[in-house]
């Protein structure tokens, strides 16, 4: 795992030069300056169409942003404390891989461009600037979660970690699962935030695609942070039969149109054991007065439909969530483990040049890979672009599906071998936004 602090990486010189030609200043924002910090955070909220943040909310977000490398784009000669016209931030975090290992990932967040400054090459400067910064620092993979799914493929990102939104009609679904031992108990907000962080950190290593959360994320779910709906936050935790904390559920409930019937929205259900997960789902689905439970960012192999009496009471909507971008192919492909042996030559097309070329990928019977540049004159078995390869990386997207969509070119036998090697168990998942 790369222990690099992204704040030590300077602003990308290529992006500086490109935006200077458009009379714009691209620079690292100093969050130790109160006025600059407030302006940056207000610009992020404006970019995501949020309300004007209060001083309390700015102070809360600043705690999170202070640990990241924050980039702002400003009008040339902008006055002091002017809002940037574009923002992005990044940090280096461990990404869980198939087989349980980790790799350093450059996480990208807070990507905004003002509606007054569209079509000026700013988004390109932001995204490519982050990728060049990450690569220059030796970080082999970049990742992000996105509000729009049509933007990031052009930069080599692939939709790698699908998740499910579950909507449960509790009266129809019923419950047929077991009743685990142990106990559930309500927790107050501060304890809920701490418990979410503790269980999430212990559990994330068992599922590829996950990254650590941070204090501000848990405080938001728990209602500690000054969000508009903070007073609706509730939480329970599950203690096993030995009294050890194994699972936590943060949620809100809202009444459906004066009917005295309620909908529960799951903010996060995190469990270290199958028993904890079952106990928390049982709590949610059998809650008095709750007719509907909605939970997003769930694993696509979540067992909930098999825990109810009528699985048609559980609506499952699979959608994209975690996007990855490989920057150092040998390091990335040798860091993860594989589900079947493989010996193939892969041609990767990368318009930004980070991993462009022909690569010989060999996987032994124990799932360990070796990667070298292919011998000159080798004929590739597989041809794909870096976006497709990045989509396959976490093991949650099938090579056969991309082949069927024309995203992978190769003999069906070669694609089948790649498919069998790359698939991950359990299914990759990412349970937070970043």
Protein backbone atom coordinates (compact mmCIF):
# COMPACT_ATOMS: atom_id res chain seq x y z
CA UNK A 1 0.00 0.00 0.00
CA UNK A 2 1.25 3.45 -0.92
CA UNK A 3 1.49 5.69 2.17
CA UNK A 4 1.92 8.83 0.09
CA UNK A 5 0.21 12.03 1.25
CA UNK A 6 -1.43 13.57 -1.82
CA UNK A 7 -1.00 17.03 -0.31
CA UNK A 8 2.71 16.73 -1.04
CA UNK A 9 2.07 16.45 -4.79
CA UNK A 10 2.25 19.82 -6.61
CA UNK A 11 -0.32 21.13 -9.07
CA UNK A 12 0.00 19.52 -12.49
CA UNK A 13 2.11 21.71 -14.77
CA UNK A 14 0.30 20.71 -17.97
CA UNK A 15 -3.07 21.73 -16.57
CA UNK A 16 -1.57 24.98 -15.28
CA UNK A 17 -0.32 25.83 -18.76
CA UNK A 18 -3.51 24.82 -20.58
CA UNK A 19 -5.79 26.87 -18.36
CA UNK A 20 -3.42 29.84 -18.25
CA UNK A 21 -3.89 30.07 -22.03
CA UNK A 22 -7.62 30.46 -21.31
CA UNK A 23 -6.88 33.20 -18.72
CA UNK A 24 -7.63 30.88 -15.82
CA UNK A 25 -5.49 30.02 -12.79
CA UNK A 26 -5.24 26.36 -11.71
CA UNK A 27 -3.71 25.92 -8.27
CA UNK A 28 -3.65 24.04 -4.99
CA UNK A 29 -5.94 25.73 -2.48
CA UNK A 30 -4.51 26.51 0.96
CA UNK A 31 -7.20 25.39 3.39
CA UNK A 32 -5.30 26.89 6.31
CA UNK A 33 -6.56 30.24 5.01
CA UNK A 34 -10.10 30.74 6.36
CA UNK A 35 -11.38 32.79 3.42
CA UNK A 36 -9.95 30.45 0.77
CA UNK A 37 -11.29 27.40 2.60
CA UNK A 38 -14.80 28.83 2.89
CA UNK A 39 -14.83 29.91 -0.77
CA UNK A 40 -13.68 26.48 -1.94
CA UNK A 41 -16.31 24.66 0.11
CA UNK A 42 -19.08 27.03 -1.03
CA UNK A 43 -18.07 26.41 -4.65
CA UNK A 44 -18.30 22.64 -4.13
CA UNK A 45 -21.82 22.97 -2.69
CA UNK A 46 -22.83 25.25 -5.55
CA UNK A 47 -21.47 22.76 -8.06
CA UNK A 48 -23.60 19.97 -6.65
CA UNK A 49 -26.66 22.25 -6.45
CA UNK A 50 -26.67 22.28 -2.68
CA UNK A 51 -27.93 25.03 -0.40
CA UNK A 52 -25.60 27.81 0.67
CA UNK A 53 -23.69 26.21 3.56
CA UNK A 54 -23.81 27.63 7.06
CA UNK A 55 -20.65 28.49 8.96
CA UNK A 56 -21.17 25.30 10.99
CA UNK A 57 -21.40 23.18 7.84
CA UNK A 58 -18.31 24.82 6.35
CA UNK A 59 -16.36 24.04 9.51
CA UNK A 60 -17.54 20.41 9.39
CA UNK A 61 -16.55 19.89 5.74
CA UNK A 62 -13.23 21.63 6.29
CA UNK A 63 -12.19 18.86 8.67
CA UNK A 64 -12.54 16.38 5.81
CA UNK A 65 -11.10 18.52 3.03
CA UNK A 66 -8.07 19.45 5.13
CA UNK A 67 -6.75 15.90 4.74
CA UNK A 68 -6.93 16.12 0.92
CA UNK A 69 -5.16 17.86 -1.94
CA UNK A 70 -7.64 20.53 -3.05
CA UNK A 71 -7.42 22.12 -6.49
CA UNK A 72 -9.34 25.25 -7.52
CA UNK A 73 -9.62 27.01 -10.86
CA UNK A 74 -9.98 30.80 -10.68
CA UNK A 75 -10.49 33.65 -13.06
CA UNK A 76 -7.23 35.40 -13.84
CA UNK A 77 -6.59 38.15 -11.27
CA UNK A 78 -9.62 37.10 -9.22
CA UNK A 79 -10.01 39.09 -5.98
CA UNK A 80 -9.10 37.54 -2.67
CA UNK A 81 -11.66 35.02 -1.36
CA UNK A 82 -13.34 34.75 -4.78
CA UNK A 83 -15.12 31.46 -5.35
CA UNK A 84 -13.27 29.13 -7.71
CA UNK A 85 -15.06 28.39 -10.97
CA UNK A 86 -14.08 24.71 -10.71
CA UNK A 87 -12.95 22.34 -7.99
CA UNK A 88 -11.51 18.88 -7.43
CA UNK A 89 -9.78 17.12 -4.58
CA UNK A 90 -7.89 13.89 -4.13
CA UNK A 91 -6.18 11.67 -1.60
CA UNK A 92 -4.42 8.31 -1.53
CA UNK A 93 -6.38 5.48 0.07
CA UNK A 94 -6.16 1.68 0.17
CA UNK A 95 -8.47 -0.15 -2.24
CA UNK A 96 -9.39 -3.73 -1.31
CA UNK A 97 -8.59 -6.19 -4.12
CA UNK A 98 -9.79 -9.69 -5.07
CA UNK A 99 -7.95 -12.07 -2.80
CA UNK A 100 -8.00 -9.66 0.15
CA UNK A 101 -4.94 -7.56 -0.58
CA UNK A 102 -4.81 -3.79 -1.03
CA UNK A 103 -3.40 -1.31 -3.49
CA UNK A 104 -2.88 2.42 -3.24
CA UNK A 105 -5.65 4.31 -5.06
CA UNK A 106 -5.80 8.02 -5.87
CA UNK A 107 -9.38 8.86 -4.86
CA UNK A 108 -10.91 11.78 -6.74
CA UNK A 109 -13.83 13.80 -5.38
CA UNK A 110 -15.53 17.21 -5.41
CA UNK A 111 -15.32 17.52 -9.22
CA UNK A 112 -17.33 20.62 -10.17
CA UNK A 113 -17.29 23.16 -13.00
CA UNK A 114 -19.40 26.29 -12.75
CA UNK A 115 -22.31 26.49 -15.19
CA UNK A 116 -20.89 29.86 -16.29
CA UNK A 117 -17.62 28.24 -17.46
CA UNK A 118 -18.64 25.18 -19.48
CA UNK A 119 -16.92 24.19 -22.75
CA UNK A 120 -13.60 25.78 -21.85
CA UNK A 121 -11.53 22.64 -21.27
CA UNK A 122 -11.74 22.92 -17.49
CA UNK A 123 -13.09 19.42 -16.78
CA UNK A 124 -10.35 17.94 -18.96
CA UNK A 125 -7.70 19.88 -17.05
CA UNK A 126 -9.14 18.74 -13.72
CA UNK A 127 -9.42 15.02 -14.53
CA UNK A 128 -6.24 14.66 -16.54
CA UNK A 129 -4.41 16.76 -13.96
CA UNK A 130 -5.44 14.33 -11.23
CA UNK A 131 -4.34 11.34 -13.31
CA UNK A 132 -0.96 12.86 -14.15
CA UNK A 133 -0.44 13.82 -10.50
CA UNK A 134 -1.28 10.29 -9.34
CA UNK A 135 0.97 8.65 -11.94
CA UNK A 136 3.86 11.01 -11.20
CA UNK A 137 3.59 10.05 -7.53
CA UNK A 138 3.63 6.33 -8.33
CA UNK A 139 -0.01 5.60 -7.48
CA UNK A 140 -1.11 2.72 -9.74
CA UNK A 141 -4.91 3.17 -9.76
CA UNK A 142 -7.33 6.09 -9.59
CA UNK A 143 -10.98 5.91 -8.60
CA UNK A 144 -14.11 7.97 -8.16
CA UNK A 145 -17.87 7.80 -7.69
CA UNK A 146 -19.88 9.83 -10.16
CA UNK A 147 -23.05 11.86 -10.47
CA UNK A 148 -23.09 11.42 -14.27
CA UNK A 149 -22.07 8.19 -16.00
CA UNK A 150 -21.27 9.56 -19.46
CA UNK A 151 -18.26 11.74 -18.63
CA UNK A 152 -15.46 9.59 -17.28
CA UNK A 153 -14.92 6.88 -19.87
CA UNK A 154 -13.08 9.37 -22.09
CA UNK A 155 -10.41 9.65 -19.38
CA UNK A 156 -9.98 5.88 -19.17
CA UNK A 157 -12.22 5.20 -16.17
CA UNK A 158 -14.37 2.08 -16.27
CA UNK A 159 -17.54 1.34 -14.34
CA UNK A 160 -16.02 -1.42 -12.23
CA UNK A 161 -18.14 -1.81 -9.10
CA UNK A 162 -21.89 -2.16 -9.65
CA UNK A 163 -24.22 -2.00 -6.66
CA UNK A 164 -27.91 -2.64 -6.02
CA UNK A 165 -30.68 -0.41 -4.74
CA UNK A 166 -33.12 -2.56 -2.76
CA UNK A 167 -36.72 -1.47 -2.20
CA UNK A 168 -38.66 -3.78 0.09
CA UNK A 169 -42.43 -3.96 0.48
CA UNK A 170 -42.22 -5.33 4.00
CA UNK A 171 -45.83 -6.54 4.18
CA UNK A 172 -45.44 -8.57 0.99
CA UNK A 173 -41.87 -9.73 1.56
CA UNK A 174 -42.31 -10.97 5.09
CA UNK A 175 -39.43 -12.73 6.80
CA UNK A 176 -38.28 -16.34 6.57
CA UNK A 177 -34.67 -15.96 7.66
CA UNK A 178 -33.18 -17.17 10.94
CA UNK A 179 -33.12 -15.28 14.20
CA UNK A 180 -29.45 -14.93 15.16
CA UNK A 181 -28.29 -15.06 18.73
CA UNK A 182 -26.79 -11.96 20.26
CA UNK A 183 -28.71 -8.73 20.73
CA UNK A 184 -29.60 -5.42 19.14
CA UNK A 185 -29.53 -2.10 20.94
CA UNK A 186 -30.17 1.52 20.04
CA UNK A 187 -27.17 3.86 20.18
CA UNK A 188 -26.88 7.61 20.40
CA UNK A 189 -25.38 9.64 17.58
CA UNK A 190 -21.80 9.92 18.76
CA UNK A 191 -21.61 6.21 19.55
CA UNK A 192 -23.28 5.41 16.21
CA UNK A 193 -20.63 7.35 14.29
CA UNK A 194 -17.83 5.60 16.16
CA UNK A 195 -19.39 2.16 15.70
CA UNK A 196 -19.94 2.67 11.97
CA UNK A 197 -16.28 3.51 11.53
CA UNK A 198 -15.05 0.61 13.64
CA UNK A 199 -17.12 -2.11 11.96
CA UNK A 200 -16.65 -0.72 8.45
CA UNK A 201 -12.88 -0.75 8.84
CA UNK A 202 -12.87 -4.35 10.06
CA UNK A 203 -15.30 -5.57 7.39
CA UNK A 204 -13.99 -3.78 4.28
CA UNK A 205 -10.99 -6.09 3.83
CA UNK A 206 -13.24 -9.00 2.91
CA UNK A 207 -14.82 -7.43 -0.18
CA UNK A 208 -12.95 -6.08 -3.19
CA UNK A 209 -13.75 -2.55 -4.35
CA UNK A 210 -14.09 -1.03 -0.88
CA UNK A 211 -12.09 1.82 0.62
CA UNK A 212 -11.90 3.19 4.17
CA UNK A 213 -14.37 5.83 5.23
CA UNK A 214 -13.51 8.88 7.31
CA UNK A 215 -14.85 10.63 10.41
CA UNK A 216 -16.94 13.16 8.49
CA UNK A 217 -18.66 10.39 6.54
CA UNK A 218 -19.67 8.52 9.71
CA UNK A 219 -20.76 11.73 11.43
CA UNK A 220 -22.98 12.53 8.46
CA UNK A 221 -24.70 9.14 8.54
CA UNK A 222 -25.12 9.28 12.31
CA UNK A 223 -26.61 12.79 12.46
CA UNK A 224 -23.62 14.28 14.27
CA UNK A 225 -22.75 16.53 11.33
CA UNK A 226 -24.87 19.67 10.81
CA UNK A 227 -26.90 18.40 7.85
CA UNK A 228 -30.53 19.49 7.25
CA UNK A 229 -31.88 16.04 8.18
CA UNK A 230 -29.58 15.37 11.11
CA UNK A 231 -32.47 15.04 13.59
CA UNK A 232 -33.96 12.14 11.60
CA UNK A 233 -30.92 9.91 12.02
CA UNK A 234 -31.28 6.79 14.13
CA UNK A 235 -29.10 3.77 14.70
CA UNK A 236 -28.84 0.29 16.18
CA UNK A 237 -25.91 -2.01 16.67
CA UNK A 238 -25.65 -5.78 16.85
CA UNK A 239 -23.57 -7.50 19.54
CA UNK A 240 -22.86 -11.20 19.11
CA UNK A 241 -23.38 -13.81 21.83
CA UNK A 242 -20.02 -12.88 23.34
CA UNK A 243 -21.02 -9.20 23.48
CA UNK A 244 -18.68 -8.19 20.63
CA UNK A 245 -19.80 -5.45 18.24
CA UNK A 246 -20.31 -7.03 14.80
CA UNK A 247 -22.77 -4.84 12.91
CA UNK A 248 -24.33 -1.38 12.74
CA UNK A 249 -27.35 0.12 10.99
CA UNK A 250 -27.82 3.87 10.44
CA UNK A 251 -31.21 4.89 9.08
CA UNK A 252 -33.99 7.47 8.92
CA UNK A 253 -37.78 7.04 8.94
CA UNK A 254 -40.39 9.26 7.36
CA UNK A 255 -44.18 9.17 7.41
CA UNK A 256 -46.01 8.50 4.14
CA UNK A 257 -48.51 11.35 3.67
CA UNK A 258 -50.16 11.46 7.08
CA UNK A 259 -51.05 7.77 7.05
CA UNK A 260 -49.07 6.86 10.18
CA UNK A 261 -47.24 4.33 8.02
CA UNK A 262 -43.52 4.84 7.47
CA UNK A 263 -40.65 4.33 5.05
CA UNK A 264 -37.19 3.48 6.38
CA UNK A 265 -34.18 4.71 4.41
CA UNK A 266 -31.02 2.79 5.21
CA UNK A 267 -28.03 5.12 5.26
CA UNK A 268 -25.56 2.35 5.91
CA UNK A 269 -25.81 -1.27 7.01
CA UNK A 270 -22.35 -2.62 7.74
CA UNK A 271 -21.73 -6.07 9.14
CA UNK A 272 -18.66 -8.09 9.96
CA UNK A 273 -20.49 -11.44 10.03
CA UNK A 274 -23.43 -13.07 8.27
CA UNK A 275 -25.27 -13.26 11.60
CA UNK A 276 -24.89 -9.50 12.13
CA UNK A 277 -26.17 -8.72 8.64
CA UNK A 278 -29.16 -11.03 9.09
CA UNK A 279 -30.03 -9.54 12.47
CA UNK A 280 -29.94 -5.99 11.11
CA UNK A 281 -32.05 -6.85 8.05
CA UNK A 282 -34.57 -8.59 10.32
CA UNK A 283 -34.76 -5.46 12.49
CA UNK A 284 -35.42 -3.27 9.45
CA UNK A 285 -38.01 -5.48 7.76
CA UNK A 286 -39.95 -6.28 10.94
CA UNK A 287 -39.95 -2.75 12.33
CA UNK A 288 -43.37 -1.66 13.58
CA UNK A 289 -45.30 0.71 11.25
CA UNK A 290 -42.66 0.48 8.49
CA UNK A 291 -44.17 -0.61 5.17
CA UNK A 292 -41.16 0.11 2.93
CA UNK A 293 -37.41 -0.19 3.42
CA UNK A 294 -35.03 1.36 0.88
CA UNK A 295 -31.29 0.62 0.88
CA UNK A 296 -28.88 1.75 -1.83
CA UNK A 297 -25.22 0.80 -2.43
CA UNK A 298 -25.83 -2.81 -1.46
CA UNK A 299 -23.71 -5.67 -2.88
CA UNK A 300 -25.24 -7.28 -5.95
CA UNK A 301 -25.00 -10.63 -4.12
CA UNK A 302 -26.70 -9.38 -0.94
CA UNK A 303 -28.63 -12.35 0.51
CA UNK A 304 -31.70 -10.27 1.45
CA UNK A 305 -33.98 -11.72 -1.30
CA UNK A 306 -33.29 -15.17 0.17
CA UNK A 307 -34.14 -14.06 3.70
CA UNK A 308 -37.77 -13.14 2.97
CA UNK A 309 -40.90 -15.22 2.42
CA UNK A 310 -41.77 -13.62 -0.94
CA UNK A 311 -38.70 -12.45 -2.90
CA UNK A 312 -40.99 -10.49 -5.25
CA UNK A 313 -41.40 -8.09 -2.38
CA UNK A 314 -37.76 -7.09 -2.88
CA UNK A 315 -37.13 -4.89 -5.93
CA UNK A 316 -33.49 -4.89 -7.03
CA UNK A 317 -32.09 -2.14 -9.27
CA UNK A 318 -28.43 -2.62 -10.25
CA UNK A 319 -26.52 0.53 -11.18
CA UNK A 320 -22.97 1.77 -11.58
CA UNK A 321 -21.18 3.22 -8.58
CA UNK A 322 -17.41 2.69 -8.28
CA UNK A 323 -15.27 3.72 -11.28
CA UNK A 324 -11.59 2.76 -11.57
CA UNK A 325 -8.71 3.80 -13.83
CA UNK A 326 -5.48 1.80 -14.12
CA UNK A 327 -2.33 3.97 -14.32
CA UNK A 328 0.43 1.39 -13.77
CA UNK A 329 -0.58 -1.88 -15.40
CA UNK A 330 2.09 -4.27 -14.06
CA UNK A 331 1.68 -3.04 -10.50
CA UNK A 332 -2.12 -3.12 -10.65
CA UNK A 333 -2.49 -6.54 -12.26
CA UNK A 334 0.08 -8.27 -10.05
CA UNK A 335 -1.42 -6.84 -6.83
CA UNK A 336 -4.72 -8.72 -7.07
CA UNK A 337 -5.40 -12.46 -7.02
CA UNK A 338 -7.17 -14.44 -9.75
CA UNK A 339 -9.75 -17.23 -9.80
CA UNK A 340 -8.21 -19.38 -12.55
CA UNK A 341 -4.87 -19.81 -14.34
CA UNK A 342 -4.24 -17.67 -17.41
CA UNK A 343 -1.60 -17.12 -20.05
CA UNK A 344 -2.52 -14.40 -22.52
CA UNK A 345 -1.22 -11.39 -24.41
CA UNK A 346 -3.38 -8.30 -23.97
CA UNK A 347 -3.21 -5.21 -26.16
CA UNK A 348 -4.33 -2.15 -24.20
CA UNK A 349 -5.20 1.09 -25.96
CA UNK A 350 -4.79 4.19 -23.79
CA UNK A 351 -5.13 7.59 -25.46
CA UNK A 352 -3.45 9.26 -22.47
CA UNK A 353 -0.49 6.90 -22.73
CA UNK A 354 -0.26 5.58 -19.18
CA UNK A 355 -0.66 1.86 -19.98
CA UNK A 356 -0.72 1.76 -23.77
CA UNK A 357 0.93 -1.33 -25.27
CA UNK A 358 1.01 -5.12 -25.45
CA UNK A 359 1.30 -7.02 -22.17
CA UNK A 360 1.92 -10.66 -21.35
CA UNK A 361 -0.22 -11.70 -18.37
CA UNK A 362 0.47 -15.06 -16.73
CA UNK A 363 -1.44 -16.40 -13.72
CA UNK A 364 -0.34 -19.57 -11.92
CA UNK A 365 -2.51 -22.17 -10.20
CA UNK A 366 -2.49 -20.26 -6.92
CA UNK A 367 -3.89 -17.10 -8.51
CA UNK A 368 -0.63 -15.11 -8.48
CA UNK A 369 0.12 -13.07 -11.61
CA UNK A 370 3.23 -11.93 -13.44
CA UNK A 371 3.10 -9.18 -16.07
CA UNK A 372 5.73 -8.15 -18.61
CA UNK A 373 5.77 -6.21 -21.81
CA UNK A 374 4.95 -8.67 -24.58
CA UNK A 375 7.76 -9.88 -26.80
CA UNK A 376 8.17 -7.89 -29.97
CA UNK A 377 6.10 -9.40 -32.76
CA UNK A 378 3.68 -11.17 -30.40
CA UNK A 379 0.11 -11.42 -31.60
CA UNK A 380 -2.39 -10.22 -28.97
CA UNK A 381 -5.07 -12.65 -27.82
CA UNK A 382 -7.21 -9.83 -26.43
CA UNK A 383 -7.56 -6.19 -27.49
CA UNK A 384 -9.39 -3.64 -25.35
CA UNK A 385 -9.09 -0.05 -24.21
CA UNK A 386 -8.02 1.00 -20.74
CA UNK A 387 -11.58 1.87 -19.76
CA UNK A 388 -12.68 -1.73 -20.39
CA UNK A 389 -9.65 -3.16 -18.59
CA UNK A 390 -10.31 -0.87 -15.62
CA UNK A 391 -13.94 -2.00 -15.53
CA UNK A 392 -12.74 -5.61 -15.23
CA UNK A 393 -10.15 -4.91 -12.56
CA UNK A 394 -12.17 -5.42 -9.35
CA UNK A 395 -13.72 -8.65 -10.63
CA UNK A 396 -17.35 -7.50 -10.73
CA UNK A 397 -17.78 -6.97 -14.48
CA UNK A 398 -17.71 -9.94 -16.84
CA UNK A 399 -15.28 -10.01 -19.74
CA UNK A 400 -17.90 -11.98 -21.66
CA UNK A 401 -20.35 -9.08 -21.28
CA UNK A 402 -17.85 -6.55 -22.60
CA UNK A 403 -16.98 -8.91 -25.44
CA UNK A 404 -20.65 -9.18 -26.33
CA UNK A 405 -20.88 -5.39 -26.35
CA UNK A 406 -17.88 -5.06 -28.67
CA UNK A 407 -15.67 -3.56 -25.94
CA UNK A 408 -13.26 -6.52 -26.09
CA UNK A 409 -11.90 -8.05 -29.29
CA UNK A 410 -10.60 -11.60 -29.15
CA UNK A 411 -11.23 -15.24 -29.82
CA UNK A 412 -14.13 -16.52 -27.62
CA UNK A 413 -11.83 -19.06 -25.94
CA UNK A 414 -9.36 -16.32 -24.98
CA UNK A 415 -12.18 -14.15 -23.64
CA UNK A 416 -13.56 -17.08 -21.65
CA UNK A 417 -10.17 -17.71 -20.05
CA UNK A 418 -9.86 -14.04 -19.14
CA UNK A 419 -13.38 -14.06 -17.74
CA UNK A 420 -12.73 -17.07 -15.50
CA UNK A 421 -9.50 -15.60 -14.19
CA UNK A 422 -10.79 -12.12 -13.38
CA UNK A 423 -14.10 -12.85 -11.68
CA UNK A 424 -14.03 -12.21 -7.91
CA UNK A 425 -15.80 -13.90 -5.01
CA UNK A 426 -17.63 -12.43 -3.16
CA UNK A 427 -18.92 -9.84 -5.62
CA UNK A 428 -17.11 -6.50 -5.35
CA UNK A 429 -18.98 -3.75 -3.59
CA UNK A 430 -18.57 -0.12 -2.56
CA UNK A 431 -20.93 1.00 0.20
CA UNK A 432 -20.11 4.71 0.45
CA UNK A 433 -19.81 7.75 -1.83
CA UNK A 434 -16.49 9.52 -2.01
